[in-house]
């Protein structure tokens, strides 16, 4: 299993160069990671609307990426994201973890968009980055509550 710093957005951001299949793999790992993080938060703290809503969005992100994996015949990475999740100590810490996760996710997609990409992948990566900007705003509101 990869080290935490070489998984998902952290892995993508620490790589000097990326192939398109590597970018897809890091993107999927990061979407898995977000979903696992929100599952953990909901299991620990109970129903929190922001996390429930964004967890559903993460599934849509995974589905969008799966389309690219299938189209370009890239092997879908195993979902072992739960191994990289640490449970926050409070709901406020959970929101803070959401903020950091979205900041990393946005930076990852920004990096990918600097590369030469197939048009459909550029569209998907742009949409996922934009969705993460919305998630970031929701988590930032949660931190200030």
C-alpha atoms as a PDB file:
ATOM      1  CA  UNK A   1       0.000   0.000   0.000  1.00  0.00           C
ATOM      2  CA  UNK A   2       1.358   3.483  -0.830  1.00  0.00           C
ATOM      3  CA  UNK A   3       2.494   5.794   1.952  1.00  0.00           C
ATOM      4  CA  UNK A   4      -0.020   8.548   2.861  1.00  0.00           C
ATOM      5  CA  UNK A   5       2.166  11.194   1.210  1.00  0.00           C
ATOM      6  CA  UNK A   6       2.079   9.270  -2.091  1.00  0.00           C
ATOM      7  CA  UNK A   7      -1.691   8.654  -2.144  1.00  0.00           C
ATOM      8  CA  UNK A   8      -4.378  10.849  -3.681  1.00  0.00           C
ATOM      9  CA  UNK A   9      -3.812  14.597  -3.914  1.00  0.00           C
ATOM     10  CA  UNK A  10      -0.692  14.470  -1.731  1.00  0.00           C
ATOM     11  CA  UNK A  11       0.856  11.962  -4.120  1.00  0.00           C
ATOM     12  CA  UNK A  12      -0.106  13.982  -7.186  1.00  0.00           C
ATOM     13  CA  UNK A  13       1.197  17.219  -5.684  1.00  0.00           C
ATOM     14  CA  UNK A  14       4.527  15.643  -4.717  1.00  0.00           C
ATOM     15  CA  UNK A  15       5.134  14.132  -8.190  1.00  0.00           C
ATOM     16  CA  UNK A  16       7.393  16.083 -10.531  1.00  0.00           C
ATOM     17  CA  UNK A  17       5.789  14.707 -13.686  1.00  0.00           C
ATOM     18  CA  UNK A  18       2.567  12.839 -14.271  1.00  0.00           C
ATOM     19  CA  UNK A  19       1.220  10.674 -17.037  1.00  0.00           C
ATOM     20  CA  UNK A  20      -2.489  10.836 -17.781  1.00  0.00           C
ATOM     21  CA  UNK A  21      -3.083   7.363 -16.234  1.00  0.00           C
ATOM     22  CA  UNK A  22      -1.217   8.479 -13.085  1.00  0.00           C
ATOM     23  CA  UNK A  23      -3.315  11.639 -12.881  1.00  0.00           C
ATOM     24  CA  UNK A  24      -6.497   9.574 -13.192  1.00  0.00           C
ATOM     25  CA  UNK A  25      -5.287   7.196 -10.490  1.00  0.00           C
ATOM     26  CA  UNK A  26      -4.388   9.996  -8.062  1.00  0.00           C
ATOM     27  CA  UNK A  27      -7.747  11.672  -8.759  1.00  0.00           C
ATOM     28  CA  UNK A  28      -9.674   8.474  -8.011  1.00  0.00           C
ATOM     29  CA  UNK A  29      -7.647   7.836  -4.867  1.00  0.00           C
ATOM     30  CA  UNK A  30      -8.400  11.354  -3.667  1.00  0.00           C
ATOM     31  CA  UNK A  31     -12.134  11.018  -4.322  1.00  0.00           C
ATOM     32  CA  UNK A  32     -12.079   7.669  -2.487  1.00  0.00           C
ATOM     33  CA  UNK A  33     -10.228   9.382   0.355  1.00  0.00           C
ATOM     34  CA  UNK A  34     -12.812  12.155   0.639  1.00  0.00           C
ATOM     35  CA  UNK A  35     -15.648   9.639   0.702  1.00  0.00           C
ATOM     36  CA  UNK A  36     -13.874   7.517   3.342  1.00  0.00           C
ATOM     37  CA  UNK A  37     -13.191  10.641   5.437  1.00  0.00           C
ATOM     38  CA  UNK A  38     -16.879  11.637   5.331  1.00  0.00           C
ATOM     39  CA  UNK A  39     -18.012   8.077   6.101  1.00  0.00           C
ATOM     40  CA  UNK A  40     -15.758   8.120   9.169  1.00  0.00           C
ATOM     41  CA  UNK A  41     -17.069  11.515  10.282  1.00  0.00           C
ATOM     42  CA  UNK A  42     -20.709  10.464   9.854  1.00  0.00           C
ATOM     43  CA  UNK A  43     -20.081   7.188  11.701  1.00  0.00           C
ATOM     44  CA  UNK A  44     -18.348   9.048  14.538  1.00  0.00           C
ATOM     45  CA  UNK A  45     -20.541  12.135  14.942  1.00  0.00           C
ATOM     46  CA  UNK A  46     -23.857  11.039  13.440  1.00  0.00           C
ATOM     47  CA  UNK A  47     -25.903  12.789  10.804  1.00  0.00           C
ATOM     48  CA  UNK A  48     -24.395  16.107   9.669  1.00  0.00           C
ATOM     49  CA  UNK A  49     -26.114  17.464   6.573  1.00  0.00           C
ATOM     50  CA  UNK A  50     -23.027  19.098   5.026  1.00  0.00           C
ATOM     51  CA  UNK A  51     -21.032  15.861   5.169  1.00  0.00           C
ATOM     52  CA  UNK A  52     -23.954  13.750   3.943  1.00  0.00           C
ATOM     53  CA  UNK A  53     -24.508  16.049   0.956  1.00  0.00           C
ATOM     54  CA  UNK A  54     -20.843  16.242   0.012  1.00  0.00           C
ATOM     55  CA  UNK A  55     -20.389  12.486   0.449  1.00  0.00           C
ATOM     56  CA  UNK A  56     -23.096  11.998  -2.196  1.00  0.00           C
ATOM     57  CA  UNK A  57     -21.260  14.446  -4.452  1.00  0.00           C
ATOM     58  CA  UNK A  58     -18.052  12.444  -4.029  1.00  0.00           C
ATOM     59  CA  UNK A  59     -19.867   9.403  -5.439  1.00  0.00           C
ATOM     60  CA  UNK A  60     -20.797  11.466  -8.495  1.00  0.00           C
ATOM     61  CA  UNK A  61     -17.123  12.468  -8.816  1.00  0.00           C
ATOM     62  CA  UNK A  62     -16.095   8.799  -8.667  1.00  0.00           C
ATOM     63  CA  UNK A  63     -18.663   7.944 -11.349  1.00  0.00           C
ATOM     64  CA  UNK A  64     -17.374  10.741 -13.610  1.00  0.00           C
ATOM     65  CA  UNK A  65     -13.812   9.469 -13.213  1.00  0.00           C
ATOM     66  CA  UNK A  66     -14.911   5.872 -13.876  1.00  0.00           C
ATOM     67  CA  UNK A  67     -16.122   7.002 -17.295  1.00  0.00           C
ATOM     68  CA  UNK A  68     -12.586   8.202 -18.098  1.00  0.00           C
ATOM     69  CA  UNK A  69     -10.993   5.028 -16.699  1.00  0.00           C
ATOM     70  CA  UNK A  70     -13.232   2.940 -18.946  1.00  0.00           C
ATOM     71  CA  UNK A  71     -12.803   5.118 -22.047  1.00  0.00           C
ATOM     72  CA  UNK A  72      -9.002   5.181 -21.804  1.00  0.00           C
ATOM     73  CA  UNK A  73      -8.691   1.591 -20.508  1.00  0.00           C
ATOM     74  CA  UNK A  74      -6.800   2.588 -17.362  1.00  0.00           C
ATOM     75  CA  UNK A  75      -7.019   0.067 -14.502  1.00  0.00           C
ATOM     76  CA  UNK A  76      -9.210   1.398 -11.674  1.00  0.00           C
ATOM     77  CA  UNK A  77      -7.226   1.564  -8.422  1.00  0.00           C
ATOM     78  CA  UNK A  78      -8.353  -0.466  -5.445  1.00  0.00           C
ATOM     79  CA  UNK A  79     -10.285   1.536  -2.876  1.00  0.00           C
ATOM     80  CA  UNK A  80      -8.167   1.247   0.258  1.00  0.00           C
ATOM     81  CA  UNK A  81      -8.690   4.871   1.306  1.00  0.00           C
ATOM     82  CA  UNK A  82     -10.115   3.974   4.724  1.00  0.00           C
ATOM     83  CA  UNK A  83      -6.571   2.999   5.764  1.00  0.00           C
ATOM     84  CA  UNK A  84      -5.513   6.646   5.319  1.00  0.00           C
ATOM     85  CA  UNK A  85      -8.317   8.228   7.359  1.00  0.00           C
ATOM     86  CA  UNK A  86      -7.830   9.502  10.904  1.00  0.00           C
ATOM     87  CA  UNK A  87     -10.901  10.325  12.975  1.00  0.00           C
ATOM     88  CA  UNK A  88     -11.127  13.994  13.946  1.00  0.00           C
ATOM     89  CA  UNK A  89     -11.554  14.805  17.644  1.00  0.00           C
ATOM     90  CA  UNK A  90     -14.582  17.068  17.191  1.00  0.00           C
ATOM     91  CA  UNK A  91     -17.108  18.231  14.606  1.00  0.00           C
ATOM     92  CA  UNK A  92     -15.134  21.475  14.241  1.00  0.00           C
ATOM     93  CA  UNK A  93     -11.991  19.397  13.562  1.00  0.00           C
ATOM     94  CA  UNK A  94     -14.017  17.415  11.014  1.00  0.00           C
ATOM     95  CA  UNK A  95     -14.890  20.616   9.169  1.00  0.00           C
ATOM     96  CA  UNK A  96     -11.222  21.666   9.312  1.00  0.00           C
ATOM     97  CA  UNK A  97     -10.202  18.292   7.846  1.00  0.00           C
ATOM     98  CA  UNK A  98     -12.773  18.868   5.089  1.00  0.00           C
ATOM     99  CA  UNK A  99     -11.250  22.283   4.372  1.00  0.00           C
ATOM    100  CA  UNK A 100      -7.745  20.829   4.069  1.00  0.00           C
ATOM    101  CA  UNK A 101      -8.936  17.913   1.957  1.00  0.00           C
ATOM    102  CA  UNK A 102     -10.665  20.256  -0.495  1.00  0.00           C
ATOM    103  CA  UNK A 103      -7.660  22.618  -0.640  1.00  0.00           C
ATOM    104  CA  UNK A 104      -5.451  19.651  -1.568  1.00  0.00           C
ATOM    105  CA  UNK A 105      -8.048  18.357  -4.048  1.00  0.00           C
ATOM    106  CA  UNK A 106      -8.352  21.744  -5.780  1.00  0.00           C
ATOM    107  CA  UNK A 107      -4.545  22.085  -6.000  1.00  0.00           C
ATOM    108  CA  UNK A 108      -4.355  18.586  -7.500  1.00  0.00           C
ATOM    109  CA  UNK A 109      -6.891  19.360 -10.236  1.00  0.00           C
ATOM    110  CA  UNK A 110      -5.207  22.722 -10.911  1.00  0.00           C
ATOM    111  CA  UNK A 111      -1.927  20.842 -11.440  1.00  0.00           C
ATOM    112  CA  UNK A 112      -3.585  18.340 -13.794  1.00  0.00           C
ATOM    113  CA  UNK A 113      -5.124  21.171 -15.826  1.00  0.00           C
ATOM    114  CA  UNK A 114      -1.614  22.500 -16.584  1.00  0.00           C
ATOM    115  CA  UNK A 115      -0.905  19.301 -18.556  1.00  0.00           C
ATOM    116  CA  UNK A 116      -1.906  18.368 -22.085  1.00  0.00           C
ATOM    117  CA  UNK A 117      -5.102  16.342 -21.570  1.00  0.00           C
ATOM    118  CA  UNK A 118      -7.825  14.783 -23.686  1.00  0.00           C
ATOM    119  CA  UNK A 119     -10.716  17.251 -24.019  1.00  0.00           C
ATOM    120  CA  UNK A 120     -13.162  15.079 -22.048  1.00  0.00           C
ATOM    121  CA  UNK A 121     -10.669  14.667 -19.193  1.00  0.00           C
ATOM    122  CA  UNK A 122     -10.087  18.436 -19.093  1.00  0.00           C
ATOM    123  CA  UNK A 123     -13.862  18.943 -18.800  1.00  0.00           C
ATOM    124  CA  UNK A 124     -14.195  16.367 -15.989  1.00  0.00           C
ATOM    125  CA  UNK A 125     -11.165  17.673 -14.065  1.00  0.00           C
ATOM    126  CA  UNK A 126     -12.488  21.245 -14.389  1.00  0.00           C
ATOM    127  CA  UNK A 127     -15.937  20.213 -13.152  1.00  0.00           C
ATOM    128  CA  UNK A 128     -14.470  18.314 -10.199  1.00  0.00           C
ATOM    129  CA  UNK A 129     -12.230  21.252  -9.288  1.00  0.00           C
ATOM    130  CA  UNK A 130     -15.220  23.606  -9.417  1.00  0.00           C
ATOM    131  CA  UNK A 131     -17.301  21.263  -7.247  1.00  0.00           C
ATOM    132  CA  UNK A 132     -14.446  21.166  -4.735  1.00  0.00           C
ATOM    133  CA  UNK A 133     -14.461  24.976  -4.593  1.00  0.00           C
ATOM    134  CA  UNK A 134     -18.128  24.740  -3.519  1.00  0.00           C
ATOM    135  CA  UNK A 135     -17.310  22.023  -0.969  1.00  0.00           C
ATOM    136  CA  UNK A 136     -14.478  24.158   0.389  1.00  0.00           C
ATOM    137  CA  UNK A 137     -16.882  27.056   0.971  1.00  0.00           C
ATOM    138  CA  UNK A 138     -19.332  24.770   2.797  1.00  0.00           C
ATOM    139  CA  UNK A 139     -16.604  23.377   5.056  1.00  0.00           C
ATOM    140  CA  UNK A 140     -15.202  26.844   5.731  1.00  0.00           C
ATOM    141  CA  UNK A 141     -18.676  27.898   6.934  1.00  0.00           C
ATOM    142  CA  UNK A 142     -18.725  24.874   9.229  1.00  0.00           C
ATOM    143  CA  UNK A 143     -15.384  25.833  10.766  1.00  0.00           C
ATOM    144  CA  UNK A 144     -16.721  29.290  11.695  1.00  0.00           C
ATOM    145  CA  UNK A 145     -19.903  27.991  13.362  1.00  0.00           C
END
